[in-house]
Amino acid sequence: MFFSVRAVLKKREYGPKYTQNNFITAVRAMNEFCLKPSDLVQLRKIRRRSPHDDTEAFTVFLRSDVEAKALDVWGSHEALARERNLRKEVEREYQESRFLDLLSTTFLQGPGKVVMVAICINGLNFFFKLLAWVYTGSASMFSEAIHSLADTCNQALLAVGISQSVRNPDAVHPYGFSNMRYIASLISGVGIFMMGAGLSWYHGIMGLLHPEPMESLLWAYCILAGSLVSEGATLLVASNEIKKSARLQGLSFYEYVMQSRDPSTNVVLLEDAAAVLGVIMAAGCMGLTSLTGNPLYDSLGSLGVGTLLGAVSAFLIYTNTEALLAPSIQAEHVQKLTEFLENDPAVRAIHDVKATDMGLSKVRFKAEVDFDGRVVTRSYLEKQDIDQILNDIQQVKTPEELENFMLKHGENIIDTLGAEVDRLEKELKQRNPEVRHVDLEIL
């Protein structure tokens, strides 16, 4: 009786010593371990084949060698840590200088320009309306002065949000600071409600409870007329900016505003639209007071302006809260991205697709991808010398030789799979410029 014995490879245990031999590139060695190119010359070098067709083979080092060299150069872990902190401080100062240079152009175009124009105009309007209120004692004029003050403060807050949103991503905020515009706009909406609507309602109610006669309203009418022109000009600037941005993204004016694609310009648009309506409302109520001599109409105008500001603030709070919750992009767009992946030969199926709007028309796309191993393997074999592989197979006689053969080609196939992931991510971004971050997880 004969028994066949099946050859089985002994299971290998991988301890910490094995993982110390992980590879590290020259760039990481210099950045993370504070080494110079000359420090790497004497280290063992390993040539790694790039899985990408358009990229040559590159040199890597053993992490254990790099760590040992760093200790040799700096003397101790403490000295290395101090040098790392020093370099981080230098990098931070460099990023701050770049940030200041970027700010000089941010407020000369686009939303930054709109906000700066609005700050200047509303600041002047507040000053003149305040003088008119002091002179006339009109509740409606007081509400308009508070309205312009609230607009000025809120737009200054928007300017801070815009300036912070252009910062480059860092280790703490890897996806950047673009949501700062939404945060500033949300606070602005709350500010309009508390400062603008609240004070207008208070002053209007006090006017109803304790009506007082008003002085001549001539100067008030002149200031309101000037305010109407200036607020209308700012409204036109914001409207034109939104039309231009909406056209570039293939959206209607209404869709662009409702989706809060540009929160800073939206705030200016809505605040100035409310300002124009508020001026008309205040002038009308003051006119009724002049004709009838009844100051109650003026107080009703103050309540009307407060209600208008409350409606604007409610809309801003709602739209910016929705944007900060990272909503999904439109279903049609998700379907387009999904179909692109599913139509690729290397992809067998995709699962758990998530495409979220990160703000300012930036999209993050995530999906779990089931790759077709046969297509990936064939892609690898198409780049190999098949005769050489056949010859290597014929030389395999022992389990150890088989293990070496499989390890060699298995690692290369894994590299090819990584290249397929990189290719899909790159093509996805090229076809859809709004997609800034792509995370494809291999099933």
Protein backbone atom coordinates (compact mmCIF):
# COMPACT_ATOMS: atom_id res chain seq x y z
CA MET A 1 0.00 0.00 0.00
CA PHE A 2 1.36 3.38 -1.02
CA PHE A 3 0.51 6.67 0.61
CA SER A 4 0.97 9.97 -1.28
CA VAL A 5 2.46 12.74 0.80
CA ARG A 6 1.33 16.26 -0.12
CA ALA A 7 4.09 18.85 0.04
CA VAL A 8 3.01 21.76 2.20
CA LEU A 9 5.00 24.93 2.77
CA LYS A 10 5.72 25.65 6.40
CA LYS A 11 3.78 28.63 7.68
CA ARG A 12 6.08 31.57 8.23
CA GLU A 13 5.80 33.80 11.28
CA TYR A 14 6.37 37.51 10.61
CA GLY A 15 7.65 39.41 13.62
CA PRO A 16 8.83 42.99 14.20
CA LYS A 17 12.22 42.19 12.67
CA TYR A 18 10.59 41.50 9.30
CA THR A 19 8.65 44.74 9.23
CA GLN A 20 11.83 46.71 9.98
CA ASN A 21 12.86 45.89 6.43
CA ASN A 22 10.04 47.92 4.92
CA PHE A 23 11.10 50.14 2.06
CA ILE A 24 11.31 53.92 2.26
CA THR A 25 11.95 56.39 -0.56
CA ALA A 26 14.73 58.98 -0.58
CA VAL A 27 12.22 61.83 -0.24
CA ARG A 28 10.67 60.32 2.90
CA ALA A 29 14.10 59.53 4.31
CA MET A 30 15.14 63.18 3.97
CA ASN A 31 11.84 64.64 5.16
CA GLU A 32 11.03 62.34 8.07
CA PHE A 33 14.56 61.60 9.29
CA CYS A 34 16.19 64.97 8.49
CA LEU A 35 18.92 63.47 6.28
CA LYS A 36 20.80 64.95 3.34
CA PRO A 37 21.32 63.22 -0.04
CA SER A 38 24.97 62.64 0.91
CA ASP A 39 23.82 60.72 4.01
CA LEU A 40 22.07 58.18 1.80
CA VAL A 41 25.01 57.43 -0.49
CA GLN A 42 26.48 54.67 1.68
CA LEU A 43 23.16 52.97 2.49
CA ARG A 44 22.02 49.77 0.83
CA LYS A 45 19.97 50.55 -2.26
CA ILE A 46 17.17 48.46 -3.70
CA ARG A 47 15.91 48.98 -7.21
CA ARG A 48 12.11 48.77 -7.42
CA ARG A 49 10.25 48.26 -10.67
CA SER A 50 7.53 50.84 -11.14
CA PRO A 51 4.12 49.36 -11.98
CA HIS A 52 3.37 52.39 -14.18
CA ASP A 53 4.21 52.33 -17.87
CA ASP A 54 5.31 55.95 -17.95
CA THR A 55 7.51 55.79 -14.84
CA GLU A 56 11.03 54.39 -14.62
CA ALA A 57 12.27 52.10 -11.88
CA PHE A 58 13.14 53.92 -8.66
CA THR A 59 15.52 53.43 -5.74
CA VAL A 60 14.37 52.71 -2.18
CA PHE A 61 16.16 52.08 1.10
CA LEU A 62 15.53 49.79 4.04
CA ARG A 63 13.79 51.66 6.84
CA SER A 64 16.04 50.09 9.46
CA ASP A 65 19.11 51.42 7.63
CA VAL A 66 17.61 54.91 7.41
CA GLU A 67 16.69 54.96 11.10
CA ALA A 68 20.20 53.83 12.07
CA LYS A 69 21.76 56.50 9.83
CA ALA A 70 19.53 59.21 11.35
CA LEU A 71 20.68 58.25 14.86
CA ASP A 72 24.28 58.27 13.67
CA VAL A 73 23.90 61.78 12.19
CA TRP A 74 21.92 63.37 15.02
CA GLY A 75 23.29 61.42 17.97
CA SER A 76 20.02 60.65 19.76
CA HIS A 77 16.25 60.42 19.36
CA GLU A 78 15.88 63.69 21.29
CA ALA A 79 18.18 65.60 18.92
CA LEU A 80 16.33 64.17 15.92
CA ALA A 81 13.00 65.22 17.42
CA ARG A 82 14.31 68.78 18.00
CA GLU A 83 15.47 69.01 14.39
CA ARG A 84 12.08 67.78 13.16
CA ASN A 85 10.30 70.44 15.22
CA LEU A 86 12.68 73.12 13.93
CA ARG A 87 12.01 72.13 10.32
CA LYS A 88 8.27 72.07 10.94
CA GLU A 89 8.51 75.63 12.27
CA VAL A 90 10.44 76.73 9.17
CA GLU A 91 7.82 75.06 6.95
CA ARG A 92 5.03 76.75 8.89
CA GLU A 93 6.65 80.17 8.39
CA TYR A 94 7.05 79.46 4.69
CA GLN A 95 3.39 78.47 4.36
CA GLU A 96 2.38 81.65 6.22
CA SER A 97 4.37 83.79 3.78
CA ARG A 98 2.74 82.00 0.84
CA PHE A 99 -0.66 82.49 2.46
CA LEU A 100 -0.08 86.25 2.79
CA ASP A 101 0.99 86.46 -0.85
CA LEU A 102 -2.15 84.59 -1.89
CA LEU A 103 -4.37 86.94 0.11
CA SER A 104 -3.21 89.90 -1.97
CA THR A 105 -4.93 88.42 -5.03
CA THR A 106 -7.88 86.73 -3.30
CA PHE A 107 -9.70 90.00 -2.63
CA LEU A 108 -9.10 91.43 -6.10
CA GLN A 109 -11.34 88.97 -7.93
CA GLY A 110 -14.33 86.67 -7.55
CA PRO A 111 -16.13 86.41 -4.19
CA GLY A 112 -13.35 88.28 -2.39
CA LYS A 113 -13.87 91.34 -4.57
CA VAL A 114 -17.65 91.20 -4.05
CA VAL A 115 -17.26 91.05 -0.26
CA MET A 116 -14.76 93.94 -0.11
CA VAL A 117 -17.03 96.17 -2.23
CA ALA A 118 -19.95 95.30 0.07
CA ILE A 119 -17.95 96.10 3.23
CA CYS A 120 -16.99 99.56 1.95
CA ILE A 121 -20.49 100.47 0.78
CA ASN A 122 -22.33 99.14 3.84
CA GLY A 123 -19.87 100.82 6.17
CA LEU A 124 -20.59 104.20 4.58
CA ASN A 125 -24.33 103.51 4.58
CA PHE A 126 -24.26 102.74 8.30
CA PHE A 127 -22.48 106.01 9.08
CA PHE A 128 -24.95 108.19 7.14
CA LYS A 129 -28.04 106.28 8.33
CA LEU A 130 -26.88 106.63 11.91
CA LEU A 131 -26.60 110.40 11.44
CA ALA A 132 -30.10 110.47 9.94
CA TRP A 133 -31.52 108.52 12.88
CA VAL A 134 -29.87 110.85 15.41
CA TYR A 135 -31.34 113.82 13.53
CA THR A 136 -34.88 112.47 12.96
CA GLY A 137 -35.45 109.86 15.69
CA SER A 138 -37.11 107.58 13.08
CA ALA A 139 -37.54 103.95 14.16
CA SER A 140 -37.35 102.85 10.51
CA MET A 141 -34.10 104.78 10.06
CA PHE A 142 -32.72 103.18 13.23
CA SER A 143 -33.58 99.75 11.80
CA GLU A 144 -31.86 100.63 8.53
CA ALA A 145 -28.76 101.83 10.40
CA ILE A 146 -28.66 98.59 12.38
CA HIS A 147 -29.27 96.69 9.15
CA SER A 148 -26.22 98.31 7.52
CA LEU A 149 -24.10 97.74 10.64
CA ALA A 150 -25.09 94.07 10.71
CA ASP A 151 -24.27 93.76 7.01
CA THR A 152 -20.87 95.40 7.50
CA CYS A 153 -19.94 93.17 10.45
CA ASN A 154 -21.17 90.02 8.75
CA GLN A 155 -19.33 90.79 5.53
CA ALA A 156 -16.15 91.43 7.52
CA LEU A 157 -16.70 87.96 8.96
CA LEU A 158 -17.10 86.61 5.42
CA ALA A 159 -13.79 88.21 4.48
CA VAL A 160 -12.15 86.31 7.35
CA GLY A 161 -13.79 83.09 6.12
CA ILE A 162 -12.56 83.65 2.56
CA SER A 163 -9.03 84.40 3.75
CA GLN A 164 -8.93 81.20 5.83
CA SER A 165 -10.46 79.04 3.08
CA VAL A 166 -7.50 79.60 0.73
CA ARG A 167 -5.00 78.08 3.17
CA ASN A 168 -3.21 74.98 1.92
CA PRO A 169 -4.07 71.62 3.53
CA ASP A 170 -1.84 70.58 6.40
CA ALA A 171 -1.31 67.51 8.58
CA VAL A 172 -4.16 68.47 10.90
CA HIS A 173 -6.56 69.43 8.08
CA PRO A 174 -5.64 67.13 5.15
CA TYR A 175 -8.70 68.13 3.09
CA GLY A 176 -8.05 71.86 3.43
CA PHE A 177 -10.04 74.76 4.85
CA SER A 178 -12.66 75.37 2.15
CA ASN A 179 -15.50 74.88 4.66
CA MET A 180 -14.41 78.04 6.47
CA ARG A 181 -16.57 79.98 4.01
CA TYR A 182 -19.64 78.01 5.07
CA ILE A 183 -18.79 78.40 8.75
CA ALA A 184 -18.38 82.17 8.33
CA SER A 185 -21.64 82.37 6.37
CA LEU A 186 -23.46 80.35 9.04
CA ILE A 187 -22.21 82.66 11.79
CA SER A 188 -23.17 85.59 9.58
CA GLY A 189 -26.72 84.25 9.32
CA VAL A 190 -26.94 83.95 13.10
CA GLY A 191 -25.52 87.46 13.42
CA ILE A 192 -28.13 88.90 11.06
CA PHE A 193 -30.88 87.28 13.12
CA MET A 194 -29.55 88.37 16.52
CA MET A 195 -28.21 91.81 15.67
CA GLY A 196 -30.30 92.90 12.70
CA ALA A 197 -33.69 91.29 13.15
CA GLY A 198 -33.61 91.34 16.96
CA LEU A 199 -32.79 95.04 17.35
CA SER A 200 -35.20 96.05 14.57
CA TRP A 201 -38.06 94.15 16.23
CA TYR A 202 -37.15 95.62 19.62
CA HIS A 203 -37.06 99.18 18.33
CA GLY A 204 -40.29 98.69 16.35
CA ILE A 205 -42.14 97.28 19.37
CA MET A 206 -40.89 100.11 21.57
CA GLY A 207 -42.10 102.57 18.94
CA LEU A 208 -45.56 101.01 19.00
CA LEU A 209 -45.71 101.08 22.80
CA HIS A 210 -44.22 104.54 23.21
CA PRO A 211 -44.73 106.54 19.98
CA GLU A 212 -42.81 109.79 19.74
CA PRO A 213 -43.07 112.61 17.16
CA MET A 214 -40.27 112.78 14.58
CA GLU A 215 -38.28 115.70 13.21
CA SER A 216 -38.05 116.63 9.50
CA LEU A 217 -37.44 113.56 7.37
CA LEU A 218 -35.90 115.37 4.36
CA TRP A 219 -32.32 114.32 5.14
CA ALA A 220 -33.49 110.82 5.92
CA TYR A 221 -35.09 110.56 2.47
CA CYS A 222 -31.89 111.82 0.82
CA ILE A 223 -29.77 109.28 2.69
CA LEU A 224 -32.18 106.46 1.88
CA ALA A 225 -32.05 107.41 -1.80
CA GLY A 226 -28.24 107.28 -1.75
CA SER A 227 -28.38 104.00 0.12
CA LEU A 228 -30.76 102.55 -2.46
CA VAL A 229 -28.31 103.39 -5.25
CA SER A 230 -25.25 102.03 -3.41
CA GLU A 231 -26.97 98.85 -2.19
CA GLY A 232 -28.31 98.31 -5.71
CA ALA A 233 -24.79 98.62 -7.11
CA THR A 234 -23.46 96.00 -4.67
CA LEU A 235 -26.41 93.75 -5.48
CA LEU A 236 -25.56 94.05 -9.18
CA VAL A 237 -21.90 93.13 -8.54
CA ALA A 238 -22.92 90.03 -6.52
CA SER A 239 -25.56 89.05 -9.08
CA ASN A 240 -23.09 89.25 -11.98
CA GLU A 241 -20.53 87.16 -10.08
CA ILE A 242 -23.11 84.45 -9.38
CA LYS A 243 -24.30 84.44 -13.01
CA LYS A 244 -20.73 83.99 -14.22
CA SER A 245 -19.99 81.17 -11.75
CA ALA A 246 -23.31 79.44 -12.43
CA ARG A 247 -22.64 79.53 -16.18
CA LEU A 248 -19.22 77.93 -15.71
CA GLN A 249 -20.79 75.06 -13.73
CA GLY A 250 -23.75 74.59 -16.06
CA LEU A 251 -26.32 75.62 -13.45
CA SER A 252 -29.13 78.13 -13.45
CA PHE A 253 -28.93 81.21 -11.23
CA TYR A 254 -31.59 79.75 -8.91
CA GLU A 255 -29.87 76.34 -8.62
CA TYR A 256 -26.52 77.96 -7.85
CA VAL A 257 -27.99 80.05 -5.03
CA MET A 258 -30.14 77.26 -3.57
CA GLN A 259 -27.23 74.78 -3.53
CA SER A 260 -25.05 77.38 -1.79
CA ARG A 261 -22.18 76.78 -4.21
CA ASP A 262 -20.53 80.06 -3.21
CA PRO A 263 -21.68 80.96 0.32
CA SER A 264 -19.82 84.26 0.54
CA THR A 265 -21.36 85.73 -2.61
CA ASN A 266 -24.74 84.28 -1.62
CA VAL A 267 -24.65 86.17 1.68
CA VAL A 268 -23.80 89.45 -0.08
CA LEU A 269 -26.54 88.85 -2.66
CA LEU A 270 -29.23 88.12 -0.08
CA GLU A 271 -28.14 90.83 2.34
CA ASP A 272 -28.16 93.46 -0.41
CA ALA A 273 -31.45 92.23 -1.82
CA ALA A 274 -32.89 92.56 1.68
CA ALA A 275 -31.23 95.97 2.01
CA VAL A 276 -32.86 97.25 -1.19
CA LEU A 277 -36.26 95.96 -0.09
CA GLY A 278 -35.65 97.31 3.42
CA VAL A 279 -34.84 100.79 2.11
CA ILE A 280 -38.03 100.78 0.02
CA MET A 281 -40.04 99.53 3.00
CA ALA A 282 -38.52 102.10 5.37
CA ALA A 283 -39.05 104.96 2.91
CA GLY A 284 -42.67 103.91 2.36
CA CYS A 285 -43.45 103.75 6.07
CA MET A 286 -41.69 107.06 6.74
CA GLY A 287 -43.68 108.58 3.90
CA LEU A 288 -46.94 107.41 5.48
CA THR A 289 -45.80 108.92 8.77
CA SER A 290 -45.07 112.23 7.03
CA LEU A 291 -48.47 112.26 5.30
CA THR A 292 -50.57 111.21 8.31
CA GLY A 293 -48.44 112.45 11.19
CA ASN A 294 -48.86 109.04 12.82
CA PRO A 295 -45.49 107.59 14.01
CA LEU A 296 -46.98 104.09 14.24
CA TYR A 297 -46.39 103.57 10.51
CA ASP A 298 -42.69 104.20 11.07
CA SER A 299 -42.62 101.59 13.84
CA LEU A 300 -44.38 99.11 11.56
CA GLY A 301 -41.62 99.75 9.02
CA SER A 302 -39.05 98.80 11.64
CA LEU A 303 -40.92 95.55 12.32
CA GLY A 304 -41.09 94.85 8.58
CA VAL A 305 -37.35 95.33 8.13
CA GLY A 306 -36.73 93.03 11.11
CA THR A 307 -38.99 90.35 9.61
CA LEU A 308 -37.15 90.64 6.28
CA LEU A 309 -33.81 90.18 8.01
CA GLY A 310 -35.17 87.21 9.96
CA ALA A 311 -36.21 85.48 6.71
CA VAL A 312 -32.78 86.07 5.14
CA SER A 313 -30.98 84.77 8.22
CA ALA A 314 -33.17 81.65 8.34
CA PHE A 315 -32.33 80.87 4.71
CA LEU A 316 -28.59 81.37 5.27
CA ILE A 317 -28.58 79.21 8.41
CA TYR A 318 -30.43 76.41 6.61
CA THR A 319 -28.35 76.35 3.39
CA ASN A 320 -24.98 76.61 5.13
CA THR A 321 -25.88 73.97 7.72
CA GLU A 322 -26.83 71.62 4.88
CA ALA A 323 -23.53 72.34 3.12
CA LEU A 324 -21.49 71.67 6.28
CA LEU A 325 -23.16 68.27 6.65
CA ALA A 326 -21.39 67.20 3.41
CA PRO A 327 -24.45 66.20 1.38
CA SER A 328 -24.28 63.79 -1.50
CA ILE A 329 -23.89 65.23 -4.98
CA GLN A 330 -26.73 64.92 -7.50
CA ALA A 331 -27.80 61.37 -8.30
CA GLU A 332 -27.13 61.88 -12.03
CA HIS A 333 -23.54 62.83 -11.29
CA VAL A 334 -23.06 59.83 -8.99
CA GLN A 335 -24.43 57.57 -11.74
CA LYS A 336 -21.97 59.08 -14.23
CA LEU A 337 -19.00 58.36 -11.96
CA THR A 338 -20.28 54.85 -11.21
CA GLU A 339 -20.76 53.99 -14.88
CA PHE A 340 -17.21 55.11 -15.67
CA LEU A 341 -15.81 52.59 -13.18
CA GLU A 342 -18.17 49.78 -14.15
CA ASN A 343 -17.26 50.16 -17.82
CA ASP A 344 -13.58 49.54 -17.12
CA PRO A 345 -12.47 45.96 -18.00
CA ALA A 346 -10.46 45.60 -14.79
CA VAL A 347 -13.52 46.25 -12.59
CA ARG A 348 -15.90 43.39 -11.89
CA ALA A 349 -18.25 45.28 -9.54
CA ILE A 350 -18.36 48.28 -7.24
CA HIS A 351 -20.03 48.61 -3.86
CA ASP A 352 -20.72 51.21 -1.16
CA VAL A 353 -20.39 54.25 -3.40
CA LYS A 354 -20.28 57.62 -1.62
CA ALA A 355 -19.83 60.96 -3.40
CA THR A 356 -20.04 63.97 -1.10
CA ASP A 357 -19.86 67.69 -1.77
CA MET A 358 -16.98 69.09 0.30
CA GLY A 359 -17.93 72.67 -0.50
CA LEU A 360 -16.94 75.18 -3.18
CA SER A 361 -17.68 72.59 -5.91
CA LYS A 362 -15.12 70.09 -4.56
CA VAL A 363 -16.23 66.45 -4.54
CA ARG A 364 -14.87 63.49 -2.59
CA PHE A 365 -15.59 60.10 -4.18
CA LYS A 366 -15.28 56.78 -2.36
CA ALA A 367 -16.11 53.24 -3.55
CA GLU A 368 -15.23 49.62 -2.80
CA VAL A 369 -13.99 47.98 -6.01
CA ASP A 370 -14.02 44.26 -6.84
CA PHE A 371 -11.22 43.92 -9.40
CA ASP A 372 -11.13 41.15 -12.00
CA GLY A 373 -7.95 39.28 -11.07
CA ARG A 374 -7.70 37.68 -14.51
CA VAL A 375 -7.63 41.05 -16.26
CA VAL A 376 -5.05 42.42 -13.82
CA THR A 377 -2.86 39.32 -14.22
CA ARG A 378 -3.17 39.48 -18.01
CA SER A 379 -2.17 43.14 -17.89
CA TYR A 380 0.97 42.10 -16.02
CA LEU A 381 1.77 39.24 -18.39
CA GLU A 382 1.42 41.47 -21.47
CA LYS A 383 4.48 43.40 -20.26
CA GLN A 384 6.60 40.29 -19.59
CA ASP A 385 8.83 38.01 -21.66
CA ILE A 386 6.58 34.93 -21.82
CA ASP A 387 9.38 32.68 -23.06
CA GLN A 388 11.48 33.64 -20.05
CA ILE A 389 8.58 32.90 -17.69
CA LEU A 390 8.04 29.49 -19.31
CA ASN A 391 11.73 28.74 -18.94
CA ASP A 392 11.57 29.77 -15.23
CA ILE A 393 8.59 27.45 -14.72
CA GLN A 394 10.46 24.51 -16.23
CA GLN A 395 13.32 25.11 -13.79
CA VAL A 396 11.01 24.75 -10.78
CA LYS A 397 11.67 21.39 -9.12
CA THR A 398 11.31 21.94 -5.37
CA PRO A 399 8.77 23.65 -3.08
CA GLU A 400 11.38 26.32 -2.27
CA GLU A 401 11.89 27.12 -5.95
CA LEU A 402 8.12 27.24 -6.46
CA GLU A 403 7.78 29.59 -3.49
CA ASN A 404 10.45 31.93 -4.90
CA PHE A 405 8.81 31.90 -8.33
CA MET A 406 5.37 32.69 -6.91
CA LEU A 407 6.68 35.36 -4.54
CA LYS A 408 8.46 37.14 -7.37
CA HIS A 409 5.49 37.28 -9.74
CA GLY A 410 2.90 37.61 -6.96
CA GLU A 411 4.55 40.80 -5.72
CA ASN A 412 4.68 42.17 -9.27
CA ILE A 413 0.99 41.40 -9.81
CA ILE A 414 0.16 43.25 -6.58
CA ASP A 415 2.16 46.21 -7.94
CA THR A 416 0.12 46.02 -11.12
CA LEU A 417 -3.10 46.04 -9.10
CA GLY A 418 -1.90 49.19 -7.34
CA ALA A 419 -1.16 50.73 -10.72
CA GLU A 420 -4.72 49.93 -11.85
CA VAL A 421 -6.10 51.73 -8.79
CA ASP A 422 -3.89 54.75 -9.51
CA ARG A 423 -4.94 54.74 -13.17
CA LEU A 424 -8.64 54.72 -12.34
CA GLU A 425 -8.25 57.49 -9.77
CA LYS A 426 -6.26 59.62 -12.23
CA GLU A 427 -8.74 59.14 -15.08
CA LEU A 428 -11.68 59.81 -12.77
CA LYS A 429 -10.16 63.18 -11.78
CA GLN A 430 -9.23 64.07 -15.36
CA ARG A 431 -12.76 63.43 -16.66
CA ASN A 432 -14.38 65.16 -13.67
CA PRO A 433 -12.28 68.16 -12.54
CA GLU A 434 -14.58 68.81 -9.58
CA VAL A 435 -13.57 65.45 -8.06
CA ARG A 436 -10.57 66.35 -5.90
CA HIS A 437 -10.25 63.27 -3.66
CA VAL A 438 -10.78 59.67 -4.79
CA ASP A 439 -10.62 56.70 -2.39
CA LEU A 440 -10.92 53.31 -4.10
CA GLU A 441 -10.84 50.38 -1.67
CA ILE A 442 -9.92 46.97 -3.04
CA LEU A 443 -12.28 44.13 -2.11
